[in-house]
Amino acid sequence: MNVMITGLKMPKRCPINALIYPDGRAIITLHSGKTMECRAEEAADVRPVVRGKWVTAYDDFMKSNYDTCSCCGKEYFGANGFNYCPNCGADMREKS
């Protein structure tokens, strides 16, 4: 089971051992031997954000503009206003 331990501020690569109880309590033992008690929550099932942009092109046959996703290459007419690619889910918003 993958869990996320909340309420801890530790270096990213701090080796730890965790004993997690069914009620959500977790006893953490750091590499130094220090122990602490906290709560454990199930980790979210997420994936990294893929960013792309709409590339506008012109279709001679249709005599109109179309937009192509820079990540998957799927073509859409009038997709330039979409925040996400309907095909691959790439985020088309400007990174803030």
C-alpha atoms as a PDB file:
ATOM      1  CA  MET A   1       0.000   0.000   0.000  1.00  0.00           C
ATOM      2  CA  ASN A   2       1.333   3.466  -0.883  1.00  0.00           C
ATOM      3  CA  VAL A   3       0.687   6.035   1.827  1.00  0.00           C
ATOM      4  CA  MET A   4       1.361   9.706   2.314  1.00  0.00           C
ATOM      5  CA  ILE A   5       2.440  10.785   5.771  1.00  0.00           C
ATOM      6  CA  THR A   6       0.939  14.171   6.662  1.00  0.00           C
ATOM      7  CA  GLY A   7       2.255  16.679   9.141  1.00  0.00           C
ATOM      8  CA  LEU A   8       5.970  15.885   8.719  1.00  0.00           C
ATOM      9  CA  LYS A   9       8.685  18.230   7.507  1.00  0.00           C
ATOM     10  CA  MET A  10      11.733  16.162   6.631  1.00  0.00           C
ATOM     11  CA  PRO A  11      14.450  16.229   3.972  1.00  0.00           C
ATOM     12  CA  LYS A  12      13.320  14.559   0.732  1.00  0.00           C
ATOM     13  CA  ARG A  13      15.674  11.593   1.027  1.00  0.00           C
ATOM     14  CA  CYS A  14      15.463  10.940   4.736  1.00  0.00           C
ATOM     15  CA  PRO A  15      15.381   7.128   5.158  1.00  0.00           C
ATOM     16  CA  ILE A  16      12.519   6.113   7.418  1.00  0.00           C
ATOM     17  CA  ASN A  17      10.631   3.051   8.583  1.00  0.00           C
ATOM     18  CA  ALA A  18       6.923   3.359   9.238  1.00  0.00           C
ATOM     19  CA  LEU A  19       4.576   1.154  11.218  1.00  0.00           C
ATOM     20  CA  ILE A  20       1.043   2.005  10.097  1.00  0.00           C
ATOM     21  CA  TYR A  21      -1.954   0.924  12.180  1.00  0.00           C
ATOM     22  CA  PRO A  22      -5.459   0.284  10.759  1.00  0.00           C
ATOM     23  CA  ASP A  23      -6.828   3.385  12.523  1.00  0.00           C
ATOM     24  CA  GLY A  24      -4.450   5.603  10.493  1.00  0.00           C
ATOM     25  CA  ARG A  25      -1.844   6.206  13.185  1.00  0.00           C
ATOM     26  CA  ALA A  26       1.729   5.833  12.018  1.00  0.00           C
ATOM     27  CA  ILE A  27       4.874   5.427  14.084  1.00  0.00           C
ATOM     28  CA  ILE A  28       7.834   6.743  12.091  1.00  0.00           C
ATOM     29  CA  THR A  29      11.400   5.695  12.909  1.00  0.00           C
ATOM     30  CA  LEU A  30      14.034   7.893  11.290  1.00  0.00           C
ATOM     31  CA  HIS A  31      17.455   6.612  10.300  1.00  0.00           C
ATOM     32  CA  SER A  32      18.872   8.397  13.354  1.00  0.00           C
ATOM     33  CA  GLY A  33      16.651   6.264  15.615  1.00  0.00           C
ATOM     34  CA  LYS A  34      14.287   9.100  16.568  1.00  0.00           C
ATOM     35  CA  THR A  35      10.600   8.104  16.492  1.00  0.00           C
ATOM     36  CA  MET A  36       7.487  10.219  16.000  1.00  0.00           C
ATOM     37  CA  GLU A  37       3.776   9.567  15.755  1.00  0.00           C
ATOM     38  CA  CYS A  38       1.604  11.031  12.999  1.00  0.00           C
ATOM     39  CA  ARG A  39      -1.331  10.210  10.715  1.00  0.00           C
ATOM     40  CA  ALA A  40      -1.123   8.211   7.485  1.00  0.00           C
ATOM     41  CA  GLU A  41      -3.411   8.774   4.489  1.00  0.00           C
ATOM     42  CA  GLU A  42      -3.697   6.830   1.264  1.00  0.00           C
ATOM     43  CA  ALA A  43      -1.609   8.393  -1.465  1.00  0.00           C
ATOM     44  CA  ALA A  44      -3.463  10.006  -4.341  1.00  0.00           C
ATOM     45  CA  ASP A  45      -3.276   8.292  -7.704  1.00  0.00           C
ATOM     46  CA  VAL A  46      -1.872  11.153  -9.781  1.00  0.00           C
ATOM     47  CA  ARG A  47       0.328  11.558 -12.808  1.00  0.00           C
ATOM     48  CA  PRO A  48       2.645  14.380 -13.834  1.00  0.00           C
ATOM     49  CA  VAL A  49       1.175  17.414 -15.596  1.00  0.00           C
ATOM     50  CA  VAL A  50       1.917  17.365 -19.327  1.00  0.00           C
ATOM     51  CA  ARG A  51       2.009  20.838 -20.840  1.00  0.00           C
ATOM     52  CA  GLY A  52       1.485  21.624 -24.495  1.00  0.00           C
ATOM     53  CA  LYS A  53       0.231  24.344 -26.777  1.00  0.00           C
ATOM     54  CA  TRP A  54      -2.114  24.680 -29.697  1.00  0.00           C
ATOM     55  CA  VAL A  55      -0.302  25.066 -33.022  1.00  0.00           C
ATOM     56  CA  THR A  56      -2.501  26.777 -35.587  1.00  0.00           C
ATOM     57  CA  ALA A  57      -2.244  25.660 -39.210  1.00  0.00           C
ATOM     58  CA  TYR A  58      -4.213  26.225 -42.412  1.00  0.00           C
ATOM     59  CA  ASP A  59      -6.034  23.499 -44.367  1.00  0.00           C
ATOM     60  CA  ASP A  60      -6.086  24.242 -48.111  1.00  0.00           C
ATOM     61  CA  PHE A  61      -8.815  21.690 -48.802  1.00  0.00           C
ATOM     62  CA  MET A  62     -11.196  22.928 -46.083  1.00  0.00           C
ATOM     63  CA  LYS A  63     -10.058  26.555 -46.569  1.00  0.00           C
ATOM     64  CA  SER A  64      -9.929  27.148 -42.816  1.00  0.00           C
ATOM     65  CA  ASN A  65      -7.593  27.129 -39.816  1.00  0.00           C
ATOM     66  CA  TYR A  66      -7.250  24.170 -37.477  1.00  0.00           C
ATOM     67  CA  ASP A  67      -5.352  23.606 -34.243  1.00  0.00           C
ATOM     68  CA  THR A  68      -2.937  20.764 -33.553  1.00  0.00           C
ATOM     69  CA  CYS A  69      -1.915  19.574 -30.081  1.00  0.00           C
ATOM     70  CA  SER A  70       1.867  19.879 -29.693  1.00  0.00           C
ATOM     71  CA  CYS A  71       1.927  16.737 -27.514  1.00  0.00           C
ATOM     72  CA  CYS A  72      -0.129  14.131 -29.374  1.00  0.00           C
ATOM     73  CA  GLY A  73      -0.563  15.722 -32.830  1.00  0.00           C
ATOM     74  CA  LYS A  74      -4.370  15.406 -32.863  1.00  0.00           C
ATOM     75  CA  GLU A  75      -6.044  18.044 -35.046  1.00  0.00           C
ATOM     76  CA  TYR A  76      -9.168  19.989 -34.049  1.00  0.00           C
ATOM     77  CA  PHE A  77     -11.106  22.812 -35.660  1.00  0.00           C
ATOM     78  CA  GLY A  78     -11.548  25.696 -33.205  1.00  0.00           C
ATOM     79  CA  ALA A  79      -9.717  24.080 -30.305  1.00  0.00           C
ATOM     80  CA  ASN A  80      -7.526  27.092 -29.573  1.00  0.00           C
ATOM     81  CA  GLY A  81      -9.840  28.109 -26.707  1.00  0.00           C
ATOM     82  CA  PHE A  82      -9.646  24.709 -24.975  1.00  0.00           C
ATOM     83  CA  ASN A  83      -7.606  24.584 -21.743  1.00  0.00           C
ATOM     84  CA  TYR A  84      -6.851  20.868 -22.241  1.00  0.00           C
ATOM     85  CA  CYS A  85      -6.384  18.560 -25.228  1.00  0.00           C
ATOM     86  CA  PRO A  86      -9.470  16.281 -25.435  1.00  0.00           C
ATOM     87  CA  ASN A  87      -7.293  13.435 -26.758  1.00  0.00           C
ATOM     88  CA  CYS A  88      -4.244  13.281 -24.440  1.00  0.00           C
ATOM     89  CA  GLY A  89      -5.236  15.622 -21.592  1.00  0.00           C
ATOM     90  CA  ALA A  90      -2.246  17.963 -21.992  1.00  0.00           C
ATOM     91  CA  ASP A  91      -2.646  21.269 -20.136  1.00  0.00           C
ATOM     92  CA  MET A  92      -2.684  24.078 -22.708  1.00  0.00           C
ATOM     93  CA  ARG A  93      -2.780  26.954 -20.218  1.00  0.00           C
ATOM     94  CA  GLU A  94       0.235  29.215 -19.786  1.00  0.00           C
ATOM     95  CA  LYS A  95       2.430  28.072 -16.914  1.00  0.00           C
ATOM     96  CA  SER A  96       2.169  30.596 -14.084  1.00  0.00           C
END
